[in-house]
């Protein structure tokens, strides 16, 4: 039987056209899925920090600690500080809009740290905690320079554990020096 003018004999077979369209759509879907899965992480913006009195921030002890700080604290990545960056300070963030973990080295003794203040020991650094709102600031009080670690709510134990490890490697323990009880 001779082909008729209506059965598409003068073009590619219909099944070949359908297969080509299916392959093209599948390729586009695959590219979109790969692009969605492999998106680059959001760029962290520099963290602004105000200067606070830190008379020992340029000390050899603080310099040693700053050189030993990890790039990651669990889910937190090291972030740049906005200029002018205070000496002896560092920050870590999980995302651009997230509250950072902030470390400051070389501070004065916190006024609230008095004889009888409760302390927590973390790998083997002794910490004094001050809480304000949904953030807490922990002060390492048994080292040659006071170190403050400010943690946002929900940060978990990893940041203070990893900072404690860096402190214990770089600074010797010293006797506690709390202010007299009020």
C-alpha atoms as a PDB file:
ATOM      1  CA  UNK A   1       0.000   0.000   0.000  1.00  0.00           C
ATOM      2  CA  UNK A   2       1.332   3.400  -0.927  1.00  0.00           C
ATOM      3  CA  UNK A   3       1.730   6.034   1.800  1.00  0.00           C
ATOM      4  CA  UNK A   4      -0.911   8.741   1.783  1.00  0.00           C
ATOM      5  CA  UNK A   5      -0.221  12.460   2.107  1.00  0.00           C
ATOM      6  CA  UNK A   6      -1.770  12.527   5.590  1.00  0.00           C
ATOM      7  CA  UNK A   7       0.490  10.001   7.387  1.00  0.00           C
ATOM      8  CA  UNK A   8       3.519  12.353   7.703  1.00  0.00           C
ATOM      9  CA  UNK A   9       5.852  10.430   5.387  1.00  0.00           C
ATOM     10  CA  UNK A  10       7.561  13.603   4.235  1.00  0.00           C
ATOM     11  CA  UNK A  11       8.874  14.386   7.827  1.00  0.00           C
ATOM     12  CA  UNK A  12      10.477  12.461  10.671  1.00  0.00           C
ATOM     13  CA  UNK A  13       8.390   9.750  12.284  1.00  0.00           C
ATOM     14  CA  UNK A  14       6.022  10.937  15.000  1.00  0.00           C
ATOM     15  CA  UNK A  15       7.637   8.640  17.620  1.00  0.00           C
ATOM     16  CA  UNK A  16      11.044  10.219  16.944  1.00  0.00           C
ATOM     17  CA  UNK A  17       9.600  13.726  17.487  1.00  0.00           C
ATOM     18  CA  UNK A  18       7.964  12.656  20.756  1.00  0.00           C
ATOM     19  CA  UNK A  19      11.217  11.060  21.966  1.00  0.00           C
ATOM     20  CA  UNK A  20      13.177  14.236  21.117  1.00  0.00           C
ATOM     21  CA  UNK A  21      10.736  16.431  23.054  1.00  0.00           C
ATOM     22  CA  UNK A  22      10.849  14.069  26.073  1.00  0.00           C
ATOM     23  CA  UNK A  23      14.679  14.061  26.062  1.00  0.00           C
ATOM     24  CA  UNK A  24      14.798  17.874  25.812  1.00  0.00           C
ATOM     25  CA  UNK A  25      12.338  18.327  28.692  1.00  0.00           C
ATOM     26  CA  UNK A  26      14.235  15.767  30.808  1.00  0.00           C
ATOM     27  CA  UNK A  27      17.522  17.592  30.148  1.00  0.00           C
ATOM     28  CA  UNK A  28      16.022  20.941  31.194  1.00  0.00           C
ATOM     29  CA  UNK A  29      14.567  19.398  34.367  1.00  0.00           C
ATOM     30  CA  UNK A  30      17.936  17.774  35.177  1.00  0.00           C
ATOM     31  CA  UNK A  31      19.778  21.085  34.758  1.00  0.00           C
ATOM     32  CA  UNK A  32      17.275  22.879  37.011  1.00  0.00           C
ATOM     33  CA  UNK A  33      17.509  20.182  39.696  1.00  0.00           C
ATOM     34  CA  UNK A  34      21.320  20.260  39.652  1.00  0.00           C
ATOM     35  CA  UNK A  35      21.318  24.062  39.870  1.00  0.00           C
ATOM     36  CA  UNK A  36      18.914  24.009  42.823  1.00  0.00           C
ATOM     37  CA  UNK A  37      20.899  21.372  44.706  1.00  0.00           C
ATOM     38  CA  UNK A  38      24.313  22.916  44.090  1.00  0.00           C
ATOM     39  CA  UNK A  39      23.541  26.522  44.940  1.00  0.00           C
ATOM     40  CA  UNK A  40      26.508  28.349  46.373  1.00  0.00           C
ATOM     41  CA  UNK A  41      26.301  29.164  50.081  1.00  0.00           C
ATOM     42  CA  UNK A  42      25.216  32.671  50.891  1.00  0.00           C
ATOM     43  CA  UNK A  43      28.087  35.093  51.295  1.00  0.00           C
ATOM     44  CA  UNK A  44      28.574  36.211  54.888  1.00  0.00           C
ATOM     45  CA  UNK A  45      28.791  39.960  55.384  1.00  0.00           C
ATOM     46  CA  UNK A  46      31.408  41.434  57.731  1.00  0.00           C
ATOM     47  CA  UNK A  47      30.182  41.492  61.333  1.00  0.00           C
ATOM     48  CA  UNK A  48      30.226  44.967  62.926  1.00  0.00           C
ATOM     49  CA  UNK A  49      31.601  45.069  66.484  1.00  0.00           C
ATOM     50  CA  UNK A  50      31.810  48.097  68.719  1.00  0.00           C
ATOM     51  CA  UNK A  51      35.020  48.653  70.619  1.00  0.00           C
ATOM     52  CA  UNK A  52      35.009  47.891  74.334  1.00  0.00           C
ATOM     53  CA  UNK A  53      37.839  48.358  76.826  1.00  0.00           C
ATOM     54  CA  UNK A  54      40.221  45.451  76.271  1.00  0.00           C
ATOM     55  CA  UNK A  55      43.595  46.469  77.738  1.00  0.00           C
ATOM     56  CA  UNK A  56      45.209  43.070  77.099  1.00  0.00           C
ATOM     57  CA  UNK A  57      43.796  42.503  73.598  1.00  0.00           C
ATOM     58  CA  UNK A  58      47.239  42.974  72.003  1.00  0.00           C
ATOM     59  CA  UNK A  59      48.996  40.758  74.581  1.00  0.00           C
ATOM     60  CA  UNK A  60      51.028  37.722  73.478  1.00  0.00           C
ATOM     61  CA  UNK A  61      48.414  35.476  75.136  1.00  0.00           C
ATOM     62  CA  UNK A  62      45.571  36.951  73.093  1.00  0.00           C
ATOM     63  CA  UNK A  63      47.682  36.875  69.924  1.00  0.00           C
ATOM     64  CA  UNK A  64      48.361  33.162  70.501  1.00  0.00           C
ATOM     65  CA  UNK A  65      44.661  32.482  71.054  1.00  0.00           C
ATOM     66  CA  UNK A  66      43.615  34.444  67.969  1.00  0.00           C
ATOM     67  CA  UNK A  67      46.050  32.398  65.875  1.00  0.00           C
ATOM     68  CA  UNK A  68      44.631  29.124  67.221  1.00  0.00           C
ATOM     69  CA  UNK A  69      40.928  29.858  66.703  1.00  0.00           C
ATOM     70  CA  UNK A  70      39.114  27.367  64.463  1.00  0.00           C
ATOM     71  CA  UNK A  71      37.447  28.324  61.182  1.00  0.00           C
ATOM     72  CA  UNK A  72      34.298  26.474  62.234  1.00  0.00           C
ATOM     73  CA  UNK A  73      32.448  26.093  65.512  1.00  0.00           C
ATOM     74  CA  UNK A  74      29.973  23.342  64.661  1.00  0.00           C
ATOM     75  CA  UNK A  75      27.519  24.939  62.210  1.00  0.00           C
ATOM     76  CA  UNK A  76      29.130  28.376  62.601  1.00  0.00           C
ATOM     77  CA  UNK A  77      31.677  29.582  60.020  1.00  0.00           C
ATOM     78  CA  UNK A  78      34.333  32.191  60.728  1.00  0.00           C
ATOM     79  CA  UNK A  79      33.142  35.615  59.571  1.00  0.00           C
ATOM     80  CA  UNK A  80      35.107  38.732  58.766  1.00  0.00           C
ATOM     81  CA  UNK A  81      34.800  41.703  61.086  1.00  0.00           C
ATOM     82  CA  UNK A  82      33.737  45.083  59.716  1.00  0.00           C
ATOM     83  CA  UNK A  83      36.415  47.762  59.783  1.00  0.00           C
ATOM     84  CA  UNK A  84      37.616  49.118  62.071  1.00  0.00           C
ATOM     85  CA  UNK A  85      37.865  45.681  63.663  1.00  0.00           C
ATOM     86  CA  UNK A  86      38.765  45.616  67.353  1.00  0.00           C
ATOM     87  CA  UNK A  87      42.035  43.862  68.202  1.00  0.00           C
ATOM     88  CA  UNK A  88      41.513  40.501  69.890  1.00  0.00           C
ATOM     89  CA  UNK A  89      38.026  39.895  68.478  1.00  0.00           C
ATOM     90  CA  UNK A  90      36.544  37.226  66.203  1.00  0.00           C
ATOM     91  CA  UNK A  91      33.080  36.172  65.017  1.00  0.00           C
ATOM     92  CA  UNK A  92      31.358  33.144  63.507  1.00  0.00           C
ATOM     93  CA  UNK A  93      27.955  32.934  61.764  1.00  0.00           C
ATOM     94  CA  UNK A  94      25.636  30.283  60.357  1.00  0.00           C
ATOM     95  CA  UNK A  95      23.982  32.610  57.801  1.00  0.00           C
ATOM     96  CA  UNK A  96      24.163  36.294  56.792  1.00  0.00           C
ATOM     97  CA  UNK A  97      21.146  37.304  58.901  1.00  0.00           C
ATOM     98  CA  UNK A  98      21.908  35.008  61.849  1.00  0.00           C
ATOM     99  CA  UNK A  99      23.163  36.230  65.214  1.00  0.00           C
ATOM    100  CA  UNK A 100      26.922  35.653  65.411  1.00  0.00           C
ATOM    101  CA  UNK A 101      29.065  33.968  68.031  1.00  0.00           C
ATOM    102  CA  UNK A 102      31.503  36.671  69.190  1.00  0.00           C
ATOM    103  CA  UNK A 103      34.827  36.231  70.971  1.00  0.00           C
ATOM    104  CA  UNK A 104      36.768  39.063  72.603  1.00  0.00           C
ATOM    105  CA  UNK A 105      40.133  38.560  74.281  1.00  0.00           C
ATOM    106  CA  UNK A 106      41.917  40.811  76.776  1.00  0.00           C
ATOM    107  CA  UNK A 107      38.905  42.368  78.511  1.00  0.00           C
ATOM    108  CA  UNK A 108      38.806  43.773  82.023  1.00  0.00           C
ATOM    109  CA  UNK A 109      37.425  41.513  84.753  1.00  0.00           C
ATOM    110  CA  UNK A 110      33.614  41.631  84.550  1.00  0.00           C
ATOM    111  CA  UNK A 111      32.215  43.699  87.439  1.00  0.00           C
ATOM    112  CA  UNK A 112      29.704  40.937  88.223  1.00  0.00           C
ATOM    113  CA  UNK A 113      32.475  38.355  88.781  1.00  0.00           C
ATOM    114  CA  UNK A 114      32.747  38.408  92.575  1.00  0.00           C
ATOM    115  CA  UNK A 115      33.753  35.946  95.276  1.00  0.00           C
ATOM    116  CA  UNK A 116      31.165  33.171  95.331  1.00  0.00           C
ATOM    117  CA  UNK A 117      30.043  33.597  91.703  1.00  0.00           C
ATOM    118  CA  UNK A 118      28.946  30.288  90.167  1.00  0.00           C
ATOM    119  CA  UNK A 119      31.338  28.900  87.552  1.00  0.00           C
ATOM    120  CA  UNK A 120      31.077  26.226  84.869  1.00  0.00           C
ATOM    121  CA  UNK A 121      34.084  24.162  83.800  1.00  0.00           C
ATOM    122  CA  UNK A 122      34.370  23.289  80.111  1.00  0.00           C
ATOM    123  CA  UNK A 123      37.433  21.332  78.943  1.00  0.00           C
ATOM    124  CA  UNK A 124      39.155  22.530  81.553  1.00  0.00           C
ATOM    125  CA  UNK A 125      38.460  26.286  81.307  1.00  0.00           C
ATOM    126  CA  UNK A 126      36.449  27.944  84.101  1.00  0.00           C
ATOM    127  CA  UNK A 127      33.627  30.125  82.766  1.00  0.00           C
ATOM    128  CA  UNK A 128      31.422  32.762  84.412  1.00  0.00           C
ATOM    129  CA  UNK A 129      28.067  33.376  82.659  1.00  0.00           C
ATOM    130  CA  UNK A 130      26.099  36.600  82.223  1.00  0.00           C
ATOM    131  CA  UNK A 131      22.725  36.380  80.471  1.00  0.00           C
ATOM    132  CA  UNK A 132      20.989  39.272  78.758  1.00  0.00           C
ATOM    133  CA  UNK A 133      17.842  38.676  76.741  1.00  0.00           C
ATOM    134  CA  UNK A 134      18.286  35.723  74.410  1.00  0.00           C
ATOM    135  CA  UNK A 135      22.094  35.898  74.448  1.00  0.00           C
ATOM    136  CA  UNK A 136      24.578  34.788  77.035  1.00  0.00           C
ATOM    137  CA  UNK A 137      28.159  35.932  77.464  1.00  0.00           C
ATOM    138  CA  UNK A 138      30.598  33.524  79.039  1.00  0.00           C
ATOM    139  CA  UNK A 139      33.848  34.852  80.522  1.00  0.00           C
ATOM    140  CA  UNK A 140      36.917  32.625  80.831  1.00  0.00           C
ATOM    141  CA  UNK A 141      38.102  33.727  84.278  1.00  0.00           C
ATOM    142  CA  UNK A 142      41.085  31.464  84.947  1.00  0.00           C
ATOM    143  CA  UNK A 143      43.505  32.681  82.245  1.00  0.00           C
ATOM    144  CA  UNK A 144      46.051  35.543  82.108  1.00  0.00           C
ATOM    145  CA  UNK A 145      43.568  37.579  80.024  1.00  0.00           C
ATOM    146  CA  UNK A 146      39.786  37.591  80.414  1.00  0.00           C
ATOM    147  CA  UNK A 147      38.012  36.189  77.353  1.00  0.00           C
ATOM    148  CA  UNK A 148      34.342  36.806  76.546  1.00  0.00           C
ATOM    149  CA  UNK A 149      32.358  34.445  74.336  1.00  0.00           C
ATOM    150  CA  UNK A 150      28.887  35.742  73.435  1.00  0.00           C
ATOM    151  CA  UNK A 151      26.496  33.047  72.250  1.00  0.00           C
ATOM    152  CA  UNK A 152      23.077  33.484  70.634  1.00  0.00           C
ATOM    153  CA  UNK A 153      20.172  31.428  71.919  1.00  0.00           C
ATOM    154  CA  UNK A 154      20.182  27.908  70.506  1.00  0.00           C
ATOM    155  CA  UNK A 155      23.880  27.830  69.623  1.00  0.00           C
ATOM    156  CA  UNK A 156      24.395  24.598  71.557  1.00  0.00           C
ATOM    157  CA  UNK A 157      27.524  23.443  73.389  1.00  0.00           C
ATOM    158  CA  UNK A 158      29.914  23.138  70.428  1.00  0.00           C
ATOM    159  CA  UNK A 159      31.117  26.777  70.275  1.00  0.00           C
ATOM    160  CA  UNK A 160      32.125  26.941  73.950  1.00  0.00           C
ATOM    161  CA  UNK A 161      33.679  23.465  73.801  1.00  0.00           C
ATOM    162  CA  UNK A 162      35.838  24.289  70.787  1.00  0.00           C
ATOM    163  CA  UNK A 163      36.848  27.705  72.142  1.00  0.00           C
ATOM    164  CA  UNK A 164      37.712  26.077  75.487  1.00  0.00           C
ATOM    165  CA  UNK A 165      39.992  23.653  73.655  1.00  0.00           C
ATOM    166  CA  UNK A 166      41.765  26.544  71.872  1.00  0.00           C
ATOM    167  CA  UNK A 167      42.129  28.476  75.142  1.00  0.00           C
ATOM    168  CA  UNK A 168      43.546  25.493  77.032  1.00  0.00           C
ATOM    169  CA  UNK A 169      46.118  24.925  74.243  1.00  0.00           C
ATOM    170  CA  UNK A 170      47.314  28.537  74.117  1.00  0.00           C
ATOM    171  CA  UNK A 171      46.940  30.006  77.617  1.00  0.00           C
ATOM    172  CA  UNK A 172      48.020  28.574  80.955  1.00  0.00           C
ATOM    173  CA  UNK A 173      45.517  28.487  83.796  1.00  0.00           C
ATOM    174  CA  UNK A 174      46.025  31.075  86.551  1.00  0.00           C
ATOM    175  CA  UNK A 175      44.407  31.420  89.981  1.00  0.00           C
ATOM    176  CA  UNK A 176      40.972  33.045  90.003  1.00  0.00           C
ATOM    177  CA  UNK A 177      40.858  36.748  90.885  1.00  0.00           C
ATOM    178  CA  UNK A 178      37.215  37.677  91.571  1.00  0.00           C
ATOM    179  CA  UNK A 179      36.245  41.032  93.023  1.00  0.00           C
ATOM    180  CA  UNK A 180      35.246  41.089  96.697  1.00  0.00           C
ATOM    181  CA  UNK A 181      31.653  40.063  97.372  1.00  0.00           C
ATOM    182  CA  UNK A 182      29.256  42.986  97.513  1.00  0.00           C
END
